[in-house]
Amino acid sequence: MSDIGKDLPLFTQSTAQETGPEAPTLRATSSLNAAIAAWGEALQAVGRSIHTVKAFTSDLRLLGRFIGAGQAVGDIGTHDLKNFLDWMLNHRGVPCSPKTYARRVTSLKAFFRWLKEQGVLDEDPALPIPQQTVLSPLPTTLTAEEVQAVLQAAEAARRGSKPDARPYALVKLLLDTAIKKGECLNLHLNHVDLHAPAGPILFVRYSDVRKRYKERKLPLSADWVPAYREYLAQYQPTDRLFPWSPRRLEYLLEDIGEAAGLDKHLSFDMCRWTAALLDYKAGMDRDKIRQKLGISKIQWREVGNKLDRLAIQTA
């Protein structure tokens, strides 16, 4: 789940308000190249990551290679777009995976919808082109029994001859909060408030102002707090909550999984999806799950669909 949304259809339902400022200098006679540049600026203006902007505008530049970057946007018709898609799939000579094809269709539809919403075009030539949906593979999750085995293995390390609370502090936090690996690595000691009026809280924060919408406040379970205090006493971190490299923490999770007897490789992503699925099966409101995960309503479409499928698969 990455900045580019793991190729999620980020712009399939965009509106004029979501795609940034108007482009008053564009006209139907403006070149495709000029319109692509303006669209990229509009996407950046509303905080889309540079990686996302590059991916979507590069799809449009491929269209420019096919019909000519100097072509007036008002002269581009639906037949041109269909010919482009056919060329890309069957005649370009470069493999195009279903996922890449689906994203490029999304790029075309979002771009021409934006031009119509800005008043540059009277009609949207991409409107008749069907949106392509690719069902990506379902993530691997833990069963309820495997979750208990993982927590028991971590608890055994905590209560062993050489007590180590770190495995429990890490894995229990991941399974309770569903935070991503990057969010976990960026946690600092002051992001944990054990004395909040409503109970212990974890603050997920971002230094990048464009990602402030991902920030959230998550409740911490009572079971985690004693292990966290033990962990602090044993390791005495001074700034970052888990001051180790990503790979070191990944190895730690793998070790917990092996101790639990799992056939699966326990990972950050597996813990995140497991936490979301457990909340889903417990009947948590879907929008509350979305907010807990820190994802947009558009990203939720695919995530929610995967949770629906996972719930059926694991019933």
Protein backbone atom coordinates (compact mmCIF):
# COMPACT_ATOMS: atom_id res chain seq x y z
CA MET A 1 0.00 0.00 0.00
CA SER A 2 2.91 3.13 -1.59
CA ASP A 3 2.83 6.73 -2.68
CA ILE A 4 1.64 5.79 -6.05
CA GLY A 5 -1.17 3.95 -4.34
CA LYS A 6 0.12 0.52 -5.49
CA ASP A 7 -1.39 1.44 -8.84
CA LEU A 8 -4.76 2.07 -7.22
CA PRO A 9 -7.09 4.11 -9.48
CA LEU A 10 -6.40 7.38 -7.68
CA PHE A 11 -8.16 9.60 -10.20
CA THR A 12 -11.04 7.53 -11.47
CA GLN A 13 -13.61 9.59 -9.60
CA SER A 14 -11.91 12.98 -9.44
CA THR A 15 -13.84 16.22 -9.54
CA ALA A 16 -12.89 19.75 -10.44
CA GLN A 17 -12.32 20.47 -6.76
CA GLU A 18 -10.05 17.45 -6.33
CA THR A 19 -7.81 18.14 -9.31
CA GLY A 20 -6.64 21.59 -8.34
CA PRO A 21 -6.73 25.07 -9.78
CA GLU A 22 -8.24 25.94 -13.12
CA ALA A 23 -6.06 26.22 -16.19
CA PRO A 24 -7.23 29.52 -17.77
CA THR A 25 -4.46 29.61 -20.38
CA LEU A 26 -5.52 26.32 -21.97
CA ARG A 27 -7.81 26.27 -24.97
CA ALA A 28 -9.13 23.56 -27.25
CA THR A 29 -6.38 24.65 -29.64
CA SER A 30 -3.66 24.12 -27.02
CA SER A 31 -1.23 21.32 -27.71
CA LEU A 32 -1.47 17.99 -25.97
CA ASN A 33 2.00 18.62 -24.56
CA ALA A 34 0.94 21.92 -22.98
CA ALA A 35 -2.20 20.36 -21.51
CA ILE A 36 -0.21 17.49 -19.98
CA ALA A 37 2.16 19.96 -18.33
CA ALA A 38 -0.76 21.95 -16.91
CA TRP A 39 -2.42 18.80 -15.59
CA GLY A 40 0.78 17.73 -13.87
CA GLU A 41 1.02 21.12 -12.16
CA ALA A 42 -2.61 20.86 -11.04
CA LEU A 43 -2.02 17.44 -9.52
CA GLN A 44 1.05 18.64 -7.66
CA ALA A 45 -0.88 21.67 -6.40
CA VAL A 46 -3.28 19.39 -4.50
CA GLY A 47 -0.49 17.36 -2.94
CA ARG A 48 -0.16 14.32 -5.21
CA SER A 49 3.30 12.79 -4.79
CA ILE A 50 5.90 13.43 -7.46
CA HIS A 51 5.99 9.69 -8.21
CA THR A 52 2.25 9.61 -8.82
CA VAL A 53 2.37 12.69 -11.03
CA LYS A 54 5.25 11.28 -13.08
CA ALA A 55 3.47 7.96 -13.60
CA PHE A 56 0.21 9.46 -14.79
CA THR A 57 1.68 12.20 -16.97
CA SER A 58 4.08 9.69 -18.56
CA ASP A 59 1.02 7.72 -19.70
CA LEU A 60 -0.24 10.82 -21.49
CA ARG A 61 3.16 11.47 -23.05
CA LEU A 62 2.95 7.99 -24.54
CA LEU A 63 -0.29 9.12 -26.15
CA GLY A 64 1.66 12.11 -27.47
CA ARG A 65 4.16 9.78 -29.08
CA PHE A 66 1.31 8.04 -30.89
CA ILE A 67 -0.75 10.98 -32.15
CA GLY A 68 1.81 13.78 -31.86
CA ALA A 69 2.58 15.94 -28.84
CA GLY A 70 1.67 19.04 -30.83
CA GLN A 71 -1.85 17.82 -31.63
CA ALA A 72 -4.55 20.21 -30.40
CA VAL A 73 -6.48 18.64 -27.53
CA GLY A 74 -9.75 19.71 -29.14
CA ASP A 75 -8.94 17.63 -32.20
CA ILE A 76 -8.45 14.40 -30.27
CA GLY A 77 -11.46 12.10 -30.63
CA THR A 78 -12.61 8.87 -29.10
CA HIS A 79 -11.40 6.97 -32.18
CA ASP A 80 -7.89 8.36 -31.62
CA LEU A 81 -7.87 7.08 -28.05
CA LYS A 82 -9.17 3.65 -29.08
CA ASN A 83 -6.51 3.42 -31.80
CA PHE A 84 -3.87 4.40 -29.23
CA LEU A 85 -4.97 1.69 -26.80
CA ASP A 86 -5.00 -0.89 -29.59
CA TRP A 87 -1.50 0.18 -30.66
CA MET A 88 -0.23 0.01 -27.11
CA LEU A 89 -1.61 -3.51 -26.61
CA ASN A 90 -1.02 -5.10 -29.98
CA HIS A 91 1.38 -3.14 -32.18
CA ARG A 92 3.86 -1.23 -30.04
CA GLY A 93 6.11 -4.21 -29.55
CA VAL A 94 6.55 -3.57 -25.82
CA PRO A 95 4.77 -5.82 -23.27
CA CYS A 96 1.90 -4.09 -21.45
CA SER A 97 0.63 -5.91 -18.36
CA PRO A 98 -3.08 -5.80 -17.49
CA LYS A 99 -2.25 -3.63 -14.46
CA THR A 100 -0.28 -1.12 -16.54
CA TYR A 101 -2.98 -1.06 -19.20
CA ALA A 102 -5.65 -0.40 -16.56
CA ARG A 103 -3.63 2.49 -15.13
CA ARG A 104 -3.15 4.02 -18.57
CA VAL A 105 -6.88 3.86 -19.24
CA THR A 106 -7.38 5.57 -15.87
CA SER A 107 -4.85 8.25 -16.85
CA LEU A 108 -6.64 8.96 -20.13
CA LYS A 109 -10.05 9.19 -18.50
CA ALA A 110 -8.83 11.38 -15.64
CA PHE A 111 -6.94 13.73 -17.97
CA PHE A 112 -9.77 14.34 -20.44
CA ARG A 113 -12.34 14.57 -17.65
CA TRP A 114 -10.19 17.29 -16.11
CA LEU A 115 -10.00 19.17 -19.43
CA LYS A 116 -13.79 19.10 -19.70
CA GLU A 117 -14.26 20.19 -16.09
CA GLN A 118 -11.90 23.13 -16.66
CA GLY A 119 -13.96 24.21 -19.69
CA VAL A 120 -11.15 23.47 -22.15
CA LEU A 121 -13.24 20.84 -23.95
CA ASP A 122 -16.98 20.76 -24.57
CA GLU A 123 -17.04 16.96 -24.70
CA ASP A 124 -14.95 14.28 -23.05
CA PRO A 125 -13.56 11.95 -25.75
CA ALA A 126 -12.49 9.38 -23.15
CA LEU A 127 -15.98 9.02 -21.68
CA PRO A 128 -17.04 6.11 -23.95
CA ILE A 129 -13.88 4.15 -23.16
CA PRO A 130 -14.63 1.52 -20.49
CA GLN A 131 -12.65 1.69 -17.27
CA GLN A 132 -10.43 -1.34 -16.83
CA THR A 133 -10.38 -2.98 -13.42
CA VAL A 134 -7.63 -5.38 -12.46
CA LEU A 135 -8.13 -7.55 -9.39
CA SER A 136 -4.69 -7.71 -7.85
CA PRO A 137 -3.79 -10.78 -5.77
CA LEU A 138 -5.12 -10.87 -2.24
CA PRO A 139 -2.60 -10.22 0.55
CA THR A 140 -1.66 -13.01 2.92
CA THR A 141 -3.13 -12.66 6.40
CA LEU A 142 -3.01 -14.56 9.68
CA THR A 143 -5.89 -16.65 10.93
CA ALA A 144 -7.20 -15.97 14.43
CA GLU A 145 -5.33 -19.08 15.62
CA GLU A 146 -2.10 -17.88 14.02
CA VAL A 147 -2.48 -14.45 15.65
CA GLN A 148 -2.67 -16.18 19.04
CA ALA A 149 0.37 -18.32 18.21
CA VAL A 150 2.35 -15.21 17.23
CA LEU A 151 1.40 -13.38 20.43
CA GLN A 152 2.20 -16.45 22.54
CA ALA A 153 5.63 -16.74 20.90
CA ALA A 154 6.30 -13.06 21.58
CA GLU A 155 5.06 -13.47 25.14
CA ALA A 156 7.40 -16.43 25.62
CA ALA A 157 10.34 -14.21 24.67
CA ARG A 158 9.09 -11.64 27.13
CA ARG A 159 8.92 -14.20 29.95
CA GLY A 160 12.01 -16.24 29.03
CA SER A 161 15.21 -16.75 31.01
CA LYS A 162 16.54 -13.60 29.33
CA PRO A 163 13.37 -11.48 29.21
CA ASP A 164 12.97 -9.56 25.94
CA ALA A 165 9.86 -7.42 25.61
CA ARG A 166 10.80 -6.05 22.19
CA PRO A 167 9.14 -8.79 20.08
CA TYR A 168 5.83 -8.39 21.92
CA ALA A 169 6.01 -4.59 21.94
CA LEU A 170 6.52 -4.58 18.16
CA VAL A 171 4.12 -7.23 16.94
CA LYS A 172 1.29 -6.36 19.33
CA LEU A 173 1.53 -2.72 18.28
CA LEU A 174 1.30 -3.68 14.60
CA LEU A 175 -1.65 -6.01 15.12
CA ASP A 176 -3.51 -3.44 17.24
CA THR A 177 -2.93 -0.33 15.14
CA ALA A 178 -2.46 -1.60 11.54
CA ILE A 179 0.30 0.96 10.92
CA LYS A 180 2.60 0.58 7.92
CA LYS A 181 6.29 -0.23 8.10
CA GLY A 182 7.31 3.33 7.23
CA GLU A 183 5.00 4.71 9.90
CA CYS A 184 6.41 2.32 12.48
CA LEU A 185 9.98 3.27 11.62
CA ASN A 186 9.12 6.97 11.99
CA LEU A 187 7.57 6.63 15.43
CA HIS A 188 9.21 8.62 18.23
CA LEU A 189 8.78 8.27 21.96
CA ASN A 190 6.62 11.39 22.14
CA HIS A 191 4.16 9.78 19.73
CA VAL A 192 2.99 7.54 22.57
CA ASP A 193 0.76 9.09 25.21
CA LEU A 194 0.02 6.65 28.03
CA HIS A 195 -1.83 9.27 30.08
CA ALA A 196 -4.42 10.56 27.61
CA PRO A 197 -7.84 11.10 29.25
CA ALA A 198 -9.55 8.50 27.06
CA GLY A 199 -6.74 5.94 27.44
CA PRO A 200 -3.32 5.30 25.89
CA ILE A 201 -2.92 6.74 22.40
CA LEU A 202 -0.51 6.45 19.50
CA PHE A 203 -0.06 9.49 17.25
CA VAL A 204 0.89 8.72 13.64
CA ARG A 205 2.54 11.83 12.26
CA TYR A 206 4.13 12.95 8.98
CA SER A 207 6.77 15.62 8.48
CA ASP A 208 5.79 16.02 4.80
CA VAL A 209 2.98 18.58 4.73
CA ARG A 210 1.51 16.89 1.66
CA LYS A 211 0.85 13.77 3.73
CA ARG A 212 -0.70 15.44 6.76
CA TYR A 213 -4.07 13.97 5.76
CA LYS A 214 -2.63 10.55 6.72
CA GLU A 215 -2.03 11.63 10.32
CA ARG A 216 -4.23 10.00 12.90
CA LYS A 217 -4.71 9.15 16.56
CA LEU A 218 -5.06 5.47 17.40
CA PRO A 219 -6.04 3.86 20.71
CA LEU A 220 -3.52 1.49 22.27
CA SER A 221 -4.64 -1.73 23.94
CA ALA A 222 -4.22 -2.18 27.67
CA ASP A 223 -2.32 -5.44 27.02
CA TRP A 224 0.39 -3.56 25.15
CA VAL A 225 1.22 -0.97 27.80
CA PRO A 226 3.01 -3.22 30.37
CA ALA A 227 5.13 -4.79 27.63
CA TYR A 228 5.94 -1.32 26.31
CA ARG A 229 7.13 -0.20 29.74
CA GLU A 230 9.29 -3.31 30.02
CA TYR A 231 10.70 -2.66 26.55
CA LEU A 232 11.61 0.92 27.50
CA ALA A 233 13.40 -0.28 30.62
CA GLN A 234 15.31 -2.98 28.73
CA TYR A 235 16.38 -1.02 25.63
CA GLN A 236 16.14 2.60 26.82
CA PRO A 237 15.50 4.21 23.43
CA THR A 238 16.10 7.96 23.48
CA ASP A 239 14.31 9.23 20.37
CA ARG A 240 12.91 6.76 17.87
CA LEU A 241 10.58 4.17 19.33
CA PHE A 242 12.27 1.33 17.43
CA PRO A 243 15.80 2.57 16.62
CA TRP A 244 16.79 -0.22 14.24
CA SER A 245 17.02 -0.59 10.49
CA PRO A 246 13.98 -1.74 8.51
CA ARG A 247 15.70 -5.03 7.73
CA ARG A 248 16.51 -5.69 11.38
CA LEU A 249 12.87 -5.29 12.35
CA GLU A 250 11.79 -7.46 9.41
CA TYR A 251 14.12 -10.20 10.67
CA LEU A 252 12.63 -9.79 14.14
CA LEU A 253 9.12 -10.39 12.77
CA GLU A 254 10.34 -13.40 10.81
CA ASP A 255 11.88 -14.81 13.99
CA ILE A 256 8.58 -14.40 15.83
CA GLY A 257 6.77 -16.17 12.99
CA GLU A 258 9.22 -19.07 13.06
CA ALA A 259 8.90 -19.36 16.84
CA ALA A 260 5.12 -19.46 16.39
CA GLY A 261 5.45 -22.32 13.90
CA LEU A 262 4.05 -20.37 10.95
CA ASP A 263 4.48 -21.56 7.38
CA LYS A 264 4.11 -17.89 6.38
CA HIS A 265 6.77 -15.19 6.61
CA LEU A 266 5.43 -12.75 9.19
CA SER A 267 5.84 -9.20 7.89
CA PHE A 268 4.71 -5.62 8.45
CA ASP A 269 2.28 -5.87 5.55
CA MET A 270 0.82 -9.14 6.83
CA CYS A 271 0.24 -7.59 10.27
CA ARG A 272 -1.42 -4.53 8.72
CA TRP A 273 -3.82 -6.56 6.58
CA THR A 274 -4.52 -8.96 9.43
CA ALA A 275 -5.41 -6.08 11.75
CA ALA A 276 -7.73 -4.58 9.14
CA LEU A 277 -9.39 -7.94 8.48
CA LEU A 278 -9.92 -8.60 12.19
CA ASP A 279 -11.58 -5.20 12.55
CA TYR A 280 -13.71 -5.91 9.47
CA LYS A 281 -14.85 -9.28 10.80
CA ALA A 282 -15.57 -7.73 14.20
CA GLY A 283 -18.08 -5.42 12.53
CA MET A 284 -16.15 -2.16 12.75
CA ASP A 285 -17.66 0.56 10.59
CA ARG A 286 -15.98 0.54 7.17
CA ASP A 287 -15.16 4.23 7.28
CA LYS A 288 -13.56 3.82 10.71
CA ILE A 289 -11.34 1.07 9.27
CA ARG A 290 -10.41 3.41 6.41
CA GLN A 291 -9.52 6.17 8.85
CA LYS A 292 -7.52 3.76 10.99
CA LEU A 293 -5.51 2.72 7.94
CA GLY A 294 -4.94 6.35 7.00
CA ILE A 295 -6.06 5.98 3.38
CA SER A 296 -8.27 8.10 1.14
CA LYS A 297 -11.83 7.24 0.14
CA ILE A 298 -10.60 6.50 -3.38
CA GLN A 299 -7.89 4.14 -2.13
CA TRP A 300 -10.48 2.50 0.09
CA ARG A 301 -12.37 1.24 -2.97
CA GLU A 302 -9.69 -1.34 -3.70
CA VAL A 303 -8.77 -1.97 -0.07
CA GLY A 304 -12.42 -2.45 0.89
CA ASN A 305 -12.92 -4.78 -2.07
CA LYS A 306 -9.94 -6.87 -0.92
CA LEU A 307 -11.30 -7.04 2.62
CA ASP A 308 -14.65 -8.22 1.25
CA ARG A 309 -12.88 -10.97 -0.70
CA LEU A 310 -10.60 -11.88 2.22
CA ALA A 311 -13.57 -12.17 4.56
CA ILE A 312 -15.23 -14.64 2.19
CA GLN A 313 -12.00 -16.54 1.58
CA THR A 314 -11.24 -16.89 5.29
CA ALA A 315 -14.80 -17.49 6.50
